[in-house]
Protein backbone atom coordinates (compact mmCIF):
# COMPACT_ATOMS: atom_id res chain seq x y z
CA MET A 1 -2.69 2.74 3.47
CA THR A 2 -1.52 6.18 2.73
CA ASP A 3 1.07 8.44 4.27
CA ARG A 4 -0.31 10.25 7.22
CA HIS A 5 1.21 13.27 8.93
CA HIS A 6 0.78 13.14 12.67
CA ARG A 7 1.12 16.43 14.48
CA PRO A 8 3.34 15.91 17.54
CA ALA A 9 2.19 17.12 20.91
CA PRO A 10 3.58 20.51 21.89
CA PHE A 11 6.91 20.13 23.53
CA GLY A 12 7.13 21.22 27.12
CA HIS A 13 9.76 23.74 28.19
CA PRO A 14 11.41 23.56 31.59
CA ARG A 15 10.92 26.47 33.95
CA ALA A 16 13.62 29.10 33.70
CA GLY A 17 16.23 29.22 36.44
CA SER A 18 15.30 30.99 39.64
CA HIS A 19 18.55 32.92 39.87
CA ARG A 20 17.41 36.21 38.31
CA GLY A 21 16.53 34.40 35.05
CA SER A 22 14.28 36.14 32.55
CA PRO A 23 11.01 34.19 32.12
CA ALA A 24 11.06 34.83 28.38
CA THR A 25 14.56 33.58 27.65
CA GLY A 26 15.72 31.73 30.72
CA SER A 27 18.97 33.66 30.49
CA PRO A 28 20.60 35.18 33.53
CA THR A 29 20.25 38.91 34.04
CA ALA A 30 23.18 41.15 33.52
CA GLY A 31 25.71 41.10 36.29
CA PRO A 32 29.40 41.72 36.77
CA PRO A 33 30.80 39.04 34.46
CA ALA A 34 34.28 39.21 35.94
CA THR A 35 33.22 38.31 39.47
CA GLY A 36 31.74 34.88 38.75
CA SER A 37 29.02 35.79 41.21
CA PRO A 38 27.07 32.77 42.56
CA ALA A 39 23.88 34.68 41.92
CA THR A 40 24.42 34.91 38.19
CA GLY A 41 26.82 32.07 37.54
CA SER A 42 29.64 32.28 35.08
CA PRO A 43 28.60 31.07 31.63
CA ALA A 44 32.08 29.67 31.15
CA THR A 45 31.79 27.34 34.14
CA GLY A 46 28.39 25.81 33.18
CA SER A 47 26.89 26.94 36.49
CA PRO A 48 23.37 25.97 37.61
CA ALA A 49 22.01 29.27 36.39
CA SER A 50 23.08 28.63 32.81
CA GLN A 51 22.02 24.94 32.94
CA ALA A 52 18.52 25.86 34.03
CA THR A 53 17.77 27.35 30.65
CA GLY A 54 17.41 23.90 29.09
CA SER A 55 19.63 24.75 26.14
CA PRO A 56 19.50 22.01 23.47
CA ALA A 57 23.28 22.33 23.04
CA THR A 58 23.90 21.05 26.58
CA GLY A 59 21.72 17.90 26.24
CA SER A 60 19.53 19.21 29.05
CA PRO A 61 16.01 17.96 29.88
CA ALA A 62 14.54 20.41 27.38
CA SER A 63 16.14 18.61 24.48
CA SER A 64 15.04 15.17 25.73
CA ALA A 65 11.46 16.34 26.19
CA THR A 66 10.76 15.59 22.56
CA GLY A 67 10.79 11.88 23.34
CA SER A 68 12.68 11.22 20.12
CA PRO A 69 16.26 9.96 19.96
CA GLY A 70 18.52 12.50 18.41
CA GLY A 71 15.95 15.24 18.84
CA GLY A 72 13.77 13.96 15.92
CA SER A 73 10.04 14.52 15.88
CA PRO A 74 7.74 11.58 16.77
CA ALA A 75 5.82 12.37 13.60
CA THR A 76 8.91 11.53 11.53
CA GLY A 77 9.11 7.99 12.90
CA SER A 78 5.38 7.47 12.44
CA LYS A 79 5.54 8.66 8.83
CA THR A 80 8.51 6.39 8.14
CA ILE A 81 6.66 3.30 9.37
CA ASP A 82 3.54 4.30 7.47
CA THR A 83 5.49 4.68 4.21
CA GLY A 84 7.21 1.32 4.63
CA LEU A 85 3.89 -0.45 5.21
CA ARG A 86 2.40 1.34 2.23
CA LEU A 87 5.19 0.00 0.00
CA LEU A 88 4.45 -3.54 1.20
CA GLU A 89 0.77 -3.08 0.38
CA ILE A 90 1.61 -1.84 -3.11
CA LEU A 91 3.89 -4.83 -3.73
CA ARG A 92 1.10 -7.12 -2.55
CA GLU A 93 -1.02 -5.82 -5.43
CA HIS A 94 1.83 -6.34 -7.94
CA PRO A 95 3.06 -9.94 -7.57
CA ASP A 96 5.40 -9.57 -10.56
CA GLY A 97 7.22 -6.77 -8.79
CA LEU A 98 7.90 -3.09 -9.40
CA THR A 99 10.98 -0.97 -9.99
CA ILE A 100 12.00 1.81 -7.61
CA SER A 101 10.64 4.40 -10.02
CA GLU A 102 7.31 2.60 -10.32
CA LEU A 103 7.04 2.27 -6.55
CA ALA A 104 7.89 5.93 -6.06
CA ARG A 105 5.27 6.99 -8.59
CA THR A 106 2.57 4.71 -7.15
CA ALA A 107 3.26 5.69 -3.54
CA ASP A 108 3.88 9.36 -4.40
CA VAL A 109 7.18 9.24 -2.50
CA HIS A 110 10.62 10.41 -3.68
CA ARG A 111 12.64 7.58 -5.17
CA ASN A 112 15.53 8.19 -2.75
CA ALA A 113 13.16 7.63 0.17
CA VAL A 114 11.77 4.51 -1.51
CA SER A 115 15.31 3.18 -1.93
CA ARG A 116 16.04 3.66 1.77
CA HIS A 117 12.81 1.91 2.78
CA LEU A 118 13.50 -1.01 0.44
CA THR A 119 16.96 -1.48 1.94
CA ALA A 120 15.49 -1.72 5.44
CA LEU A 121 12.71 -4.08 4.30
CA ARG A 122 15.22 -6.32 2.51
CA ASN A 123 17.30 -6.52 5.68
CA HIS A 124 14.25 -8.08 7.36
CA ARG A 125 13.49 -10.31 4.34
CA LEU A 126 10.13 -8.63 3.83
CA VAL A 127 11.14 -7.54 0.32
CA ALA A 128 13.16 -9.42 -2.29
CA ARG A 129 15.03 -8.06 -5.31
CA ASN A 130 15.12 -9.65 -8.74
CA GLY A 131 17.23 -7.52 -11.05
CA THR A 132 15.69 -4.06 -10.99
CA ARG A 133 12.31 -5.24 -9.66
CA PHE A 134 11.20 -5.71 -6.07
CA THR A 135 8.63 -8.19 -4.74
CA LEU A 136 7.40 -9.30 -1.35
CA GLY A 137 9.97 -11.47 0.43
CA LEU A 138 9.67 -14.84 2.12
CA GLY A 139 9.72 -13.15 5.52
CA ILE A 140 6.12 -12.15 4.83
CA LEU A 141 5.13 -15.83 4.82
CA GLU A 142 6.68 -16.35 8.23
CA LEU A 143 4.76 -13.41 9.63
CA GLY A 144 1.53 -14.56 7.99
CA ALA A 145 1.85 -18.06 9.41
CA ALA A 146 1.50 -16.62 12.90
CA VAL A 147 -1.77 -14.80 12.12
CA ARG A 148 -4.71 -16.59 13.75
CA HIS A 149 -2.49 -19.65 14.02
CA ARG A 150 -4.91 -21.62 16.18
CA LEU A 151 -7.83 -21.09 13.80
CA ARG A 152 -5.72 -21.96 10.77
CA SER A 153 -4.48 -25.14 12.41
CA ALA A 154 -7.99 -26.20 13.41
CA ALA A 155 -9.35 -25.50 9.94
CA ASP A 156 -6.52 -27.00 7.90
CA GLY A 157 -7.81 -30.55 7.49
CA ALA A 158 -11.51 -29.72 7.54
CA LEU A 159 -11.11 -27.08 4.84
CA GLN A 160 -9.53 -29.44 2.32
CA VAL A 161 -12.14 -32.12 3.01
CA LEU A 162 -14.89 -29.55 2.46
CA ALA A 163 -13.37 -28.40 -0.84
CA ASP A 164 -13.08 -31.97 -2.12
CA ASP A 165 -16.58 -33.00 -0.97
CA CYS A 166 -18.26 -29.97 -2.54
CA ARG A 167 -15.88 -29.82 -5.52
CA ALA A 168 -15.64 -26.11 -4.84
CA THR A 169 -13.14 -23.63 -3.44
CA ALA A 170 -13.41 -23.62 0.37
CA PHE A 171 -12.32 -20.73 2.57
CA ILE A 172 -12.00 -19.34 6.07
CA SER A 173 -12.78 -15.63 6.35
CA VAL A 174 -12.22 -13.44 9.40
CA LEU A 175 -13.56 -10.09 10.54
CA ASP A 176 -10.74 -7.58 10.08
CA THR A 177 -12.56 -4.37 11.00
CA ASP A 178 -16.19 -3.60 11.73
CA GLU A 179 -16.66 -3.03 8.00
CA GLU A 180 -14.49 -5.63 6.22
CA VAL A 181 -13.71 -9.34 6.14
CA VAL A 182 -10.52 -10.96 4.84
CA ALA A 183 -9.91 -14.46 3.49
CA LEU A 184 -7.54 -16.13 5.95
CA ALA A 185 -7.13 -19.56 4.35
CA VAL A 186 -8.22 -21.15 1.08
CA ALA A 187 -8.39 -24.76 -0.16
CA GLU A 188 -9.02 -25.64 -3.79
CA PRO A 189 -10.72 -28.91 -4.76
CA ARG A 190 -8.32 -31.62 -5.88
CA GLY A 191 -9.12 -33.09 -9.27
CA SER A 192 -11.30 -30.16 -10.34
CA HIS A 193 -10.40 -28.42 -13.58
CA ILE A 194 -12.72 -25.46 -13.11
CA HIS A 195 -13.18 -23.61 -9.84
CA VAL A 196 -13.22 -20.07 -8.48
CA ALA A 197 -9.80 -18.55 -7.85
CA TYR A 198 -9.87 -17.15 -4.32
CA ARG A 199 -6.65 -16.18 -2.57
CA PRO A 200 -5.84 -15.39 1.06
CA GLY A 201 -5.88 -11.66 1.66
CA ASN A 202 -8.95 -10.99 -0.49
CA ARG A 203 -11.15 -8.52 1.34
CA HIS A 204 -14.62 -7.14 0.89
CA ALA A 205 -17.38 -5.34 2.76
CA VAL A 206 -18.77 -7.32 5.68
CA ASP A 207 -22.37 -6.89 4.53
CA ARG A 208 -21.73 -8.17 0.99
CA GLY A 209 -21.09 -11.81 0.20
CA ALA A 210 -21.78 -14.97 2.16
CA PRO A 211 -18.63 -14.90 4.38
CA GLY A 212 -19.32 -11.52 5.99
CA ILE A 213 -23.06 -12.00 6.31
CA ALA A 214 -22.45 -15.36 8.00
CA ILE A 215 -20.11 -13.71 10.53
CA LEU A 216 -22.68 -11.00 11.31
CA SER A 217 -25.36 -13.67 11.82
CA GLY A 218 -23.15 -15.29 14.48
CA ARG A 219 -22.94 -12.08 16.49
CA PRO A 220 -25.55 -10.46 18.77
CA PRO A 221 -28.54 -9.06 16.84
CA ARG A 222 -28.56 -5.35 16.05
CA PRO A 223 -31.67 -3.24 15.40
CA ASP A 224 -30.31 -1.91 12.10
CA GLU A 225 -28.95 -5.16 10.65
CA PRO A 226 -29.99 -5.92 7.05
CA PRO A 227 -32.55 -8.66 6.24
CA PRO A 228 -29.93 -11.09 4.80
CA VAL A 229 -28.26 -11.21 8.24
CA ARG A 230 -31.54 -12.03 9.96
CA ASP A 231 -32.28 -14.70 7.33
CA ALA A 232 -28.83 -16.24 7.86
CA ARG A 233 -29.31 -16.28 11.63
CA ARG A 234 -32.56 -18.21 11.23
CA ALA A 235 -31.15 -20.67 8.68
CA GLY A 236 -27.75 -21.12 10.33
CA TYR A 237 -25.90 -20.14 7.15
CA SER A 238 -25.74 -17.43 4.49
CA VAL A 239 -26.24 -17.85 0.74
CA THR A 240 -25.43 -15.18 -1.85
CA SER A 241 -25.10 -15.08 -5.62
CA GLY A 242 -23.18 -12.61 -7.76
CA GLU A 243 -22.50 -10.14 -4.93
CA LEU A 244 -18.72 -10.33 -5.03
CA GLN A 245 -18.16 -11.68 -8.53
CA PRO A 246 -20.61 -12.12 -11.41
CA GLY A 247 -21.73 -15.73 -11.67
CA ALA A 248 -20.21 -16.77 -8.32
CA TRP A 249 -22.38 -18.52 -5.74
CA GLY A 250 -21.34 -18.79 -2.10
CA LEU A 251 -22.55 -20.43 1.09
CA ALA A 252 -20.95 -19.75 4.48
CA VAL A 253 -21.50 -20.72 8.11
CA PRO A 254 -20.36 -18.67 11.14
CA ILE A 255 -17.66 -20.18 13.34
CA VAL A 256 -18.99 -19.57 16.84
CA PRO A 257 -16.60 -20.58 19.65
CA LYS A 258 -18.24 -21.42 22.95
CA GLY A 259 -19.30 -18.28 24.78
CA ARG A 260 -17.94 -15.86 22.18
CA PRO A 261 -19.47 -14.07 19.19
CA ALA A 262 -18.37 -15.13 15.73
CA ASP A 263 -15.45 -13.35 14.12
CA ALA A 264 -14.86 -15.96 11.39
CA SER A 265 -16.80 -18.08 8.93
CA VAL A 266 -16.20 -21.14 6.76
CA GLY A 267 -17.76 -21.60 3.37
CA VAL A 268 -17.49 -22.51 -0.30
CA VAL A 269 -17.71 -20.54 -3.51
CA THR A 270 -18.54 -21.99 -6.92
CA ILE A 271 -19.30 -20.93 -10.45
CA GLY A 272 -23.07 -21.10 -10.77
CA ALA A 273 -25.64 -22.01 -8.12
CA GLN A 274 -25.42 -25.36 -6.34
CA GLU A 275 -28.01 -27.44 -4.55
CA GLU A 276 -28.34 -25.65 -1.23
CA SER A 277 -29.75 -28.71 0.57
CA ASP A 278 -26.67 -30.69 -0.43
CA VAL A 279 -23.98 -28.10 0.27
CA ALA A 280 -25.29 -26.55 3.52
CA PRO A 281 -25.00 -29.72 5.68
CA ARG A 282 -21.39 -30.20 4.57
CA VAL A 283 -20.42 -26.64 5.45
CA LEU A 284 -22.28 -26.84 8.78
CA ALA A 285 -20.38 -30.03 9.60
CA ALA A 286 -17.07 -28.35 8.76
CA ALA A 287 -17.89 -25.41 11.06
CA THR A 288 -18.76 -27.83 13.89
CA GLU A 289 -15.47 -29.68 13.46
CA ILE A 290 -13.44 -26.46 13.46
CA VAL A 291 -15.14 -25.25 16.66
CA ARG A 292 -14.40 -28.61 18.29
CA LEU A 293 -10.71 -28.26 17.52
CA LEU A 294 -10.37 -24.66 18.67
């Protein structure tokens, strides 16, 4: 995610006062200042004529029309949020942490601004500090636990059983956008010394790799869908080799809740090809069990 500058909508200006006010300035026309005439209003008394100009100094409707507390631009708040989220994404890619200077250089943001963002993120436990380095905080785990909670709960037991039965890394992947899938949960086989390292948060194109192709096969057919999706729809599962990582072999099945298109898949990934006829029934059974528990 990168910093984006959002152009705020043009601010509206209230209509100038009707008491002889100039349309261009909203200021009252010249009149005998000593008389305090009702027509012109004395500026010293804060009469209706002077208030109708919407002067920002008076806190009039013109100043509140920006929709931003303190008169700030909406684009400023949007940019602030965007920068904070960008810092979290950078820290996600650097588990050992980064210094303020390293974060500023990577994000292309002034170090003073980075320092302010880190203070706010630490207040919410989204960032932790270890000496001069900053890492993601434990608050991230609490937020992540609420993501697709029902699916994660339904898949928890079945995923570990699948990993142990196939002696392979098992995963749940979900459709994040129309173009990408993300690993939501991962279970590694117990007692296995060699297996594929696959962590939650890994993402890749939806049309590459068994997880994404399986999800597409569990959705309504499209005229332009690639042949692997059609093949997976006929077979009930997707098989790929070396598409996401050289030497890796994956098999995935769409998770299709009753009456809804698939937006998730369950599967396994191993080093080297496995016997499809042995692995596929196990993954299909895991998908069936997850759907039952949803």
